[in-house]
Protein backbone atom coordinates (compact mmCIF):
# COMPACT_ATOMS: atom_id res chain seq x y z
CA MET A 1 -32.17 4.57 3.90
CA GLU A 2 -29.16 6.67 2.84
CA ILE A 3 -26.58 4.69 4.78
CA ALA A 4 -28.40 1.39 3.42
CA VAL A 5 -27.50 2.57 0.17
CA ASN A 6 -23.61 3.75 1.00
CA VAL A 7 -23.29 0.09 2.44
CA LEU A 8 -24.59 -1.45 -1.07
CA LEU A 9 -22.06 0.70 -3.13
CA THR A 10 -19.14 -0.17 -0.37
CA ILE A 11 -20.14 -3.67 -1.52
CA VAL A 12 -19.95 -2.78 -5.07
CA GLY A 13 -16.77 -1.21 -4.27
CA LEU A 14 -15.29 -4.31 -2.79
CA ALA A 15 -16.29 -6.19 -5.97
CA ILE A 16 -14.78 -4.12 -8.16
CA LEU A 17 -11.62 -4.54 -5.80
CA CYS A 18 -11.71 -8.14 -6.11
CA PHE A 19 -11.58 -8.23 -10.12
CA GLY A 20 -9.21 -5.37 -10.38
CA GLY A 21 -6.69 -6.86 -8.07
CA SER A 22 -6.97 -10.32 -9.77
CA TRP A 23 -6.15 -8.89 -13.53
CA LEU A 24 -3.58 -6.49 -12.19
CA VAL A 25 -1.61 -9.68 -10.54
CA SER A 26 -2.10 -11.94 -13.61
CA GLY A 27 -0.79 -9.11 -16.07
CA GLY A 28 2.03 -8.37 -13.57
CA VAL A 29 3.29 -12.14 -13.70
CA ALA A 30 3.11 -12.51 -17.26
CA ILE A 31 5.19 -9.02 -17.87
CA ALA A 32 7.73 -10.37 -15.33
CA LYS A 33 8.09 -13.63 -17.23
CA LYS A 34 8.36 -11.89 -20.64
CA LEU A 35 10.85 -9.39 -19.55
CA ARG A 36 12.94 -11.71 -17.63
CA ILE A 37 12.82 -10.16 -14.44
CA SER A 38 11.61 -11.26 -10.58
CA GLN A 39 7.97 -10.95 -9.62
CA MET A 40 9.55 -9.16 -6.61
CA ILE A 41 10.42 -6.06 -8.91
CA ILE A 42 7.02 -5.96 -10.68
CA GLY A 43 5.25 -5.95 -7.08
CA LEU A 44 7.45 -3.31 -6.24
CA THR A 45 6.72 -1.17 -9.13
CA ILE A 46 3.52 -1.82 -11.66
CA VAL A 47 1.43 -3.59 -8.81
CA ALA A 48 2.64 -1.40 -6.00
CA TYR A 49 1.82 1.86 -8.16
CA GLY A 50 -1.43 0.00 -9.26
CA THR A 51 -2.67 -0.61 -5.64
CA SER A 52 -1.39 2.91 -4.58
CA THR A 53 -3.75 4.77 -6.59
CA PRO A 54 -6.57 4.80 -4.32
CA GLU A 55 -4.47 6.32 -1.61
CA LEU A 56 -3.26 9.24 -4.32
CA ALA A 57 -7.06 9.80 -5.55
CA ALA A 58 -8.07 10.14 -1.66
CA SER A 59 -5.32 12.54 -0.62
CA MET A 60 -5.77 14.69 -4.37
CA ALA A 61 -9.48 14.75 -3.20
CA ALA A 62 -8.54 15.90 0.45
CA VAL A 63 -6.29 18.53 -1.00
CA VAL A 64 -9.23 19.72 -3.62
CA GLY A 65 -11.51 19.79 -0.61
CA SER A 66 -8.83 21.41 1.77
CA HIS A 67 -9.44 18.44 4.39
CA THR A 68 -5.43 18.08 4.85
CA ASP A 69 -5.82 16.25 7.96
CA LEU A 70 -7.07 13.36 6.22
CA ILE A 71 -3.93 13.15 3.80
CA LEU A 72 -1.24 12.40 6.83
CA GLY A 73 -3.89 10.11 8.65
CA ASN A 74 -4.63 8.00 5.40
CA VAL A 75 -0.80 7.64 4.65
CA VAL A 76 0.25 6.56 8.17
CA GLY A 77 -2.85 4.39 8.71
CA SER A 78 -2.37 2.77 5.42
CA ASN A 79 1.14 1.99 6.12
CA ILE A 80 0.23 0.32 9.18
CA SER A 81 -2.83 -1.34 8.26
CA ASN A 82 -0.74 -2.60 4.93
CA ILE A 83 1.42 -4.60 7.63
CA GLY A 84 -1.11 -5.26 10.52
CA MET A 85 -4.13 -6.21 8.14
CA VAL A 86 -2.86 -6.98 5.03
CA ILE A 87 0.23 -9.12 5.68
CA GLY A 88 -1.76 -10.22 8.84
CA VAL A 89 -4.28 -11.78 6.84
CA CYS A 90 -2.10 -13.22 4.31
CA ALA A 91 -0.33 -15.01 6.65
CA VAL A 92 -3.74 -16.42 8.20
CA VAL A 93 -4.67 -17.76 4.82
CA SER A 94 -1.49 -19.03 4.16
CA THR A 95 2.02 -19.43 5.96
CA LEU A 96 4.37 -17.02 4.20
CA VAL A 97 7.85 -18.37 2.91
CA VAL A 98 10.03 -15.32 1.79
CA LYS A 99 13.33 -15.55 0.08
CA LYS A 100 15.74 -13.47 2.22
CA ALA A 101 17.43 -12.21 -0.18
CA THR A 102 14.13 -10.63 -1.66
CA THR A 103 13.38 -7.61 0.76
CA ARG A 104 17.24 -7.17 1.91
CA LYS A 105 17.44 -3.86 0.49
CA GLU A 106 13.81 -2.71 0.13
CA VAL A 107 12.61 -3.37 3.55
CA PRO A 108 15.54 -1.10 4.99
CA ILE A 109 14.65 1.65 2.46
CA MET A 110 11.03 1.26 3.71
CA ILE A 111 12.16 1.88 7.19
CA GLY A 112 14.63 4.55 6.37
CA VAL A 113 11.94 6.68 4.40
CA THR A 114 9.47 6.35 7.58
CA LEU A 115 11.94 7.97 9.78
CA LEU A 116 12.64 10.77 7.30
CA LEU A 117 9.01 11.23 7.79
CA ILE A 118 9.19 11.54 11.15
CA ALA A 119 12.04 13.94 11.10
CA MET A 120 10.36 15.83 8.81
CA SER A 121 7.45 16.04 10.99
CA VAL A 122 9.28 17.69 14.23
CA ASP A 123 8.66 21.09 13.42
CA GLY A 124 4.97 20.58 13.35
CA GLU A 125 4.68 20.64 9.17
CA ILE A 126 5.16 18.66 6.06
CA SER A 127 6.22 21.91 4.34
CA GLN A 128 6.16 22.34 0.50
CA TYR A 129 10.33 21.87 0.69
CA ASP A 130 9.79 18.52 2.31
CA GLY A 131 7.39 17.38 -0.28
CA ILE A 132 10.04 18.26 -3.10
CA ILE A 133 12.47 16.36 -1.04
CA LEU A 134 10.00 13.23 -0.79
CA VAL A 135 9.35 13.38 -4.40
CA ALA A 136 13.19 13.33 -5.46
CA GLY A 137 13.51 10.24 -3.26
CA LEU A 138 10.55 8.80 -5.34
CA ILE A 139 12.27 9.37 -8.37
CA ALA A 140 15.57 7.96 -6.79
CA PHE A 141 13.89 4.81 -5.85
CA THR A 142 11.98 4.61 -9.21
CA ALA A 143 15.21 4.70 -10.76
CA TYR A 144 16.84 2.27 -8.74
CA THR A 145 14.35 -0.33 -8.76
CA LEU A 146 14.47 0.04 -12.64
CA SER A 147 18.09 -0.80 -12.65
CA ARG A 148 17.96 -3.46 -10.52
CA ALA A 149 15.11 -4.98 -12.96
CA LYS A 150 17.70 -4.37 -16.13
CA LYS A 151 20.27 -6.14 -14.40
CA GLU A 152 18.13 -8.96 -13.65
CA ARG A 153 16.98 -9.19 -17.02
CA ASN A 154 20.43 -9.10 -18.32
CA GLU A 155 21.45 -11.87 -16.33
CA ALA A 156 18.28 -14.13 -16.67
CA THR A 157 18.24 -17.06 -19.17
CA GLU A 158 15.73 -16.92 -22.11
CA ASP A 159 14.14 -19.88 -20.80
CA SER A 160 12.79 -17.94 -18.06
CA ALA A 161 10.82 -15.73 -20.14
CA ALA A 162 8.48 -18.41 -21.34
CA THR A 163 4.83 -17.39 -21.38
CA LYS A 164 1.62 -18.13 -22.95
CA THR A 165 0.01 -14.46 -22.47
CA PRO A 166 0.84 -12.12 -25.12
CA VAL A 167 2.28 -8.73 -24.11
CA THR A 168 -0.65 -6.69 -25.23
CA ARG A 169 -2.82 -8.51 -23.25
CA ALA A 170 -0.84 -8.53 -20.09
CA ILE A 171 -0.40 -4.80 -20.43
CA ALA A 172 -4.36 -4.54 -21.02
CA LEU A 173 -4.67 -6.65 -17.62
CA ILE A 174 -2.35 -4.42 -15.79
CA VAL A 175 -4.21 -1.23 -17.19
CA VAL A 176 -7.67 -2.39 -16.49
CA GLY A 177 -6.66 -3.50 -13.52
CA ALA A 178 -5.18 -0.48 -12.13
CA ALA A 179 -8.36 1.39 -13.35
CA LEU A 180 -10.91 -1.06 -11.37
CA LEU A 181 -8.78 -0.36 -8.22
CA TYR A 182 -8.57 3.14 -8.53
CA PHE A 183 -12.66 3.54 -9.16
CA GLY A 184 -13.38 0.56 -6.73
CA GLY A 185 -11.08 1.94 -3.91
CA PHE A 186 -12.70 5.37 -4.53
CA LEU A 187 -16.15 3.88 -4.48
CA THR A 188 -15.81 2.02 -1.34
CA VAL A 189 -13.60 5.08 0.44
CA ASP A 190 -16.37 7.45 -0.37
CA ASN A 191 -19.03 5.88 0.95
CA ALA A 192 -17.18 4.56 3.94
CA VAL A 193 -16.41 7.86 4.61
CA LEU A 194 -20.24 9.36 4.19
CA ILE A 195 -20.83 6.09 6.79
CA ALA A 196 -18.41 7.22 9.44
CA GLU A 197 -19.78 10.80 8.64
CA ASN A 198 -23.35 10.03 9.70
CA LEU A 199 -21.79 8.01 12.81
CA GLY A 200 -20.27 11.12 14.04
CA ILE A 201 -16.62 10.08 13.55
CA SER A 202 -13.93 12.97 13.53
CA GLU A 203 -11.94 13.96 10.25
CA THR A 204 -8.77 12.76 11.50
CA VAL A 205 -9.90 9.45 12.76
CA ILE A 206 -11.75 8.82 9.35
CA GLY A 207 -8.37 9.18 7.80
CA ILE A 208 -6.51 6.59 10.13
CA THR A 209 -9.00 4.10 10.09
CA ILE A 210 -11.64 4.17 7.52
CA ILE A 211 -10.15 6.07 4.76
CA ALA A 212 -6.86 3.97 5.39
CA ILE A 213 -8.29 0.49 5.60
CA GLY A 214 -10.58 1.17 2.41
CA THR A 215 -7.36 2.36 0.26
CA SER A 216 -5.59 -0.59 1.85
CA LEU A 217 -8.11 -2.90 0.08
CA PRO A 218 -6.48 -3.34 -3.11
CA GLU A 219 -3.25 -4.27 -1.49
CA LEU A 220 -5.15 -6.66 0.75
CA ILE A 221 -7.02 -8.21 -2.28
CA THR A 222 -3.89 -8.13 -4.47
CA SER A 223 -1.46 -9.74 -2.21
CA VAL A 224 -4.04 -12.46 -0.94
CA ILE A 225 -4.90 -13.18 -4.83
CA ALA A 226 -1.11 -13.41 -5.39
CA ILE A 227 -0.40 -15.55 -2.52
CA ARG A 228 -3.12 -17.97 -3.32
CA LYS A 229 -1.76 -18.55 -6.89
CA GLY A 230 1.70 -19.14 -5.51
CA HIS A 231 3.38 -15.41 -5.91
CA THR A 232 4.47 -14.85 -2.68
CA ASP A 233 6.97 -12.26 -3.74
CA ILE A 234 4.63 -10.33 -5.53
CA GLY A 235 2.41 -9.91 -2.19
CA ILE A 236 5.33 -8.72 -0.38
CA GLY A 237 6.71 -6.48 -2.83
CA THR A 238 3.10 -4.90 -2.96
CA ILE A 239 3.27 -4.07 0.40
CA VAL A 240 6.80 -2.98 0.82
CA GLY A 241 6.47 -0.88 -2.35
CA SER A 242 3.19 0.69 -1.65
CA ASN A 243 4.41 1.83 1.90
CA ILE A 244 7.18 3.49 0.17
CA TYR A 245 5.28 5.06 -2.47
CA ASN A 246 2.93 5.96 0.14
CA ILE A 247 5.11 8.31 1.78
CA LEU A 248 7.42 9.60 -1.16
CA MET A 249 4.75 9.70 -3.89
CA ILE A 250 1.42 10.60 -2.12
CA LEU A 251 2.52 12.55 0.42
CA GLY A 252 5.13 14.15 -1.41
CA ILE A 253 3.26 15.41 -4.27
CA SER A 254 0.34 16.35 -1.66
CA SER A 255 2.51 18.41 0.43
CA VAL A 256 4.27 20.23 -2.50
CA ILE A 257 0.82 21.50 -3.56
CA THR A 258 -0.18 22.50 0.10
CA GLY A 259 1.56 22.22 3.03
CA ILE A 260 0.19 19.63 5.61
CA ALA A 261 0.27 20.46 9.42
CA VAL A 262 1.13 17.55 11.89
CA VAL A 263 -0.83 17.34 14.76
CA PRO A 264 0.98 16.33 18.30
CA GLY A 265 -1.18 13.28 18.71
CA MET A 266 -0.10 11.87 15.34
CA PHE A 267 3.48 11.00 16.83
CA THR A 268 1.95 8.07 18.70
CA ASP A 269 0.56 6.77 15.24
CA TYR A 270 4.23 7.09 13.80
CA LEU A 271 5.50 5.01 16.79
CA VAL A 272 3.00 2.22 15.72
CA MET A 273 4.11 2.75 12.17
CA ILE A 274 7.75 1.92 13.29
CA GLY A 275 6.50 -0.85 15.54
CA PHE A 276 4.83 -2.63 12.58
CA ALA A 277 7.74 -2.12 10.47
CA VAL A 278 10.43 -3.41 12.77
CA VAL A 279 8.01 -6.63 13.49
CA LEU A 280 7.82 -7.22 9.82
CA VAL A 281 11.67 -6.95 9.66
CA ALA A 282 12.18 -9.51 12.12
CA PHE A 283 9.90 -12.03 10.47
CA LEU A 284 11.26 -11.41 7.11
CA ARG A 285 15.00 -12.15 8.25
CA SER A 286 13.67 -15.50 9.11
CA GLY A 287 12.39 -16.09 5.99
CA ILE A 288 8.86 -17.05 6.99
CA ILE A 289 5.70 -15.50 8.39
CA PRO A 290 3.77 -18.36 10.31
CA ARG A 291 -0.13 -18.30 11.05
CA PRO A 292 0.12 -17.41 14.48
CA ALA A 293 2.14 -14.20 13.70
CA GLY A 294 -0.38 -13.63 11.10
CA VAL A 295 -3.19 -13.92 13.89
CA GLY A 296 -1.08 -11.63 16.20
CA LEU A 297 -0.99 -8.94 13.68
CA VAL A 298 -4.30 -8.92 12.96
CA ILE A 299 -5.26 -8.82 16.66
CA ALA A 300 -2.81 -6.17 17.10
CA TYR A 301 -4.15 -3.91 14.29
CA ALA A 302 -7.67 -4.49 15.82
CA ALA A 303 -6.58 -3.38 19.01
CA TYR A 304 -4.69 -0.20 17.34
CA ILE A 305 -7.94 0.72 15.59
CA GLY A 306 -10.36 -0.01 18.71
CA TYR A 307 -7.82 2.59 20.46
CA THR A 308 -7.99 5.12 17.69
CA LEU A 309 -11.91 4.91 17.81
CA LEU A 310 -12.15 5.24 21.55
CA SER A 311 -9.62 8.11 22.22
């Protein structure tokens, strides 16, 4: 009976995520038009921050509960699922056509941040000093993104700012959407963890699989909604931005509060994370992610999850 209630609450959480994702995208697009900046920048900032709130909430809860194994597993697992599950499903839904200039700078930053995480893990711990470096990187990346947005705004024409949505309503949509994503993600993850624990799954595996998938649902729902509405740049920007923020913001803040141990087996997951990122770069360089590629990403991700659960 208890598991049945958890399943029901998980479904409710997913419904909340759907509404939150829709409103966040609508508000983000309106702000992009009003400020005369590209949808990609909105995806990298407002939407990416908003959809990363479930990962942050889960990590903070793990810090409070002294479950630090969940934090690193959540971040790495989420970054893998963002590409394998989210990009894969989005490509299955509709062939993704992306401007090559869209992610020319941001994707290398994503890979660079990932390599930095691996380098920091060599000594077996993400220390508080490492956390300070990651937070500093977060501040630098945010400043860079905002300066790019300011440049685009100065170069844009007045016509590009045309939108029927008032600024106050757009901001309200973003705030409410982000709040729904936060509570919906937390409700989904919390109950999914209870289900997993009742089934006897270990804490580390829970972080890499159940929590990672759960906290990636906002990115999945937001990206699918954005792409279905024709806003591919927001969908891709959300994933790239989220992967960067997961490491710099979530892991950075968490490790500043308390050092995070890195178990040897985590390096296998690091390799998988790098592998998915490299595959994404290859497709983005071609400017298109076709449906067969999406199917391949989903199958590869499912195989990874299966291996993790069985190992």
